[in-house]
Each structure stands twice: as C-alpha cells, then as structure tokens.
Amino acid sequence: MRQMYVADDGYTLIQPDQSGAEALIVAYIAPRGQYRDLFEYKIKPHTYVALHDFPEIWRSKFHNPTTVDEALQAKVKDLSSLPGWPELANFIQGSDDWADDERYYFIGKKVVHASNYGMGVKTFMLSVLDESGGKIALKQAHASALLESYHTLFPEIRAWHFEIQRRLKKDQTLNNLFGYPRIFTEYIGDGMWEKAYSFIPQSTVGVLTSIAYTNMQNYIEANKLNWHMLTNTHDSFLMEVPDDEVEEGVRVARQHIEMELTSPKGEHFRMRSDVAVGKNWGHKKESNPMGLEKVK
C-alpha cells in the first residue's frame, strides 16, 4: 500500500529509521553481558541467535562447516575477525528467502523479541504462526527450547526482568530513558509482565522519534528550507526534500535521529540509524524500482 504515496514532482522521499532500536536499548538497561557485546562488536542479535539455535542446519547447508563450528565456539568480540564470518552471517540472514518453513533467521528474530519481553511459550508459538502467514507451526517443546536457549546465552536478560519486577512491586512506576513515567495501576502479577518489560524500550523509541520529528521541523523553519515533514511512524519518520538536496537531507535526518541516550546506570550510548531514499514510500524491489533504498 505504501507504494501509493509518491513524492511531489522534483522531490525525493527520505526515511531515517532507528536501527535495532529496542534491542539496543535493552542491551544498555540490562546488566552488562554478552548481549551488550553483540552491539559493541556490531554483531546482529538475530543472526547470532539463529546461529546457535540451528547449528545443524548451517553445518549441512553452508559450504564450509568448519566456519560454522568456529563461529559457535568463538567469543562475540572475535566473531568479526573470524575468516568466513561475514559470508556465514549473510548466509544465515539469507534464510529469510528460503522455503516458508525454513526461515531460520526469521525465527531467530522472533526468539529475540519474545525472550526480551518475557513472552510465554504459547504466545510465542502463535506470534510466529501469525507473522509467518500460518507457514511456521512450532511444536511446544521446540518453542520452549528456543526460549530457554536464549536465556542460557544471555542470562543478563532475566536479571533485568527481575529488576523490573522489583521496581514495580515497590512503587508501580517505570520511567523511559527520557524520564517519562508510566504508572501500572493494574494488579502486579504474571499477566502484565510482558507490558512492563517492553515499556522502557518501546516508549523510549516512540518519544525519541517524536522529539527528532519536532527538531527537524524547527530546523527546516530556522533555515527556511523547502523541505516537508510527512509522517511519524514510531521508530522512523518520513520527509521529502528537493532532488538536488537529498545528500544534505540524509545527513541532517541522520543527525537528528541518532540521539545520545543515558541508561539508568548513567552509561551513555547513541542510537543508530538506517536511512532510505526513493520516489515512493514502498521498499525498492523488482516490481517497485522507485521505492525506498538504504543509503550509506
């Protein structure tokens, strides 16, 4: 449907998107551990989790099984320098284009989201089934093993969950990284932990985009630019600029959305972004050559 939204004549759409935003925030509000290392050493969590959840798949399908074994045994900080890792990482991510029931990267992505936010096994199974269009039906034992494997890799996530529980039981209030509070007025129990764990990352992302959007509009007005802010989509915003000002627009948009944040422990980190440009709001592909495409 987004292909229907087309830039004005002489204009190009620009969309900066917070890259891995919620997962990055979790890495800094949880205790320091291997999960934080993934971000510091620029290893995608979904790739790392899929690697460890489906080792036999990669050994049987990747052209060099030895690389798979070395990656499984390597510390996070050493993965980037491992010969063959970039190729293996791309291979794992490419499984999203395999047969519907072989989308192992997609499953890894769902494991990360579900585990970070304390999703129950049955809810996780239904979420995977729904988002795969009914193509991936995990058995309960397998789904449970995937979630437990995640917490074996990253025990700091459960430590963070316990801290959230302690804080809620104490005063029923959580604050996002901009200081905005949410007071949980419902009964503090099992039925609401998923909402509690997700509040700080999701709320921080939404507020960051709103601030960036407002600051961009102020920048446009202060510099008397003929740029147009179009929409706020939670973790990204859309704007259009004249065709001959795209390079400047990308630079400024990236600058505004890559804000510095501070964890509750006083640690500073900066949001990351991907920026895409195009003539319509859909993703660029063979059937939509004028769509949005990522730029460096």
Foldseek 3Di string as FASTA:
>chain_A
DQQVFFDDPQKKKKKKFFPVQLQQQLCAQFPHDLSVLCVVQVNDQLLLLLLVLCVVVCLVPPPDNVLSVCCVPDRSNCQVVRPPNVVSSVVLCVQCVPPLQRNSSVLSVLLSLCLLLVNDQVVSQVVSCVVSVNSHRDDSVSSVVSNVVVCVRPVRSVVSLVVLLVVCVVQQWDAAQVGDIDRHPDDSDDVCSSVSSSCRRQVNQQVLQVQLLVVVVVVCVVVVFPKAWDAGDRRMTMIMHRPVCVVVVNVSSQVSSFDWTAHPVGDIDTTHIWMWMFRTDDDDDPVRPRHTDTDD
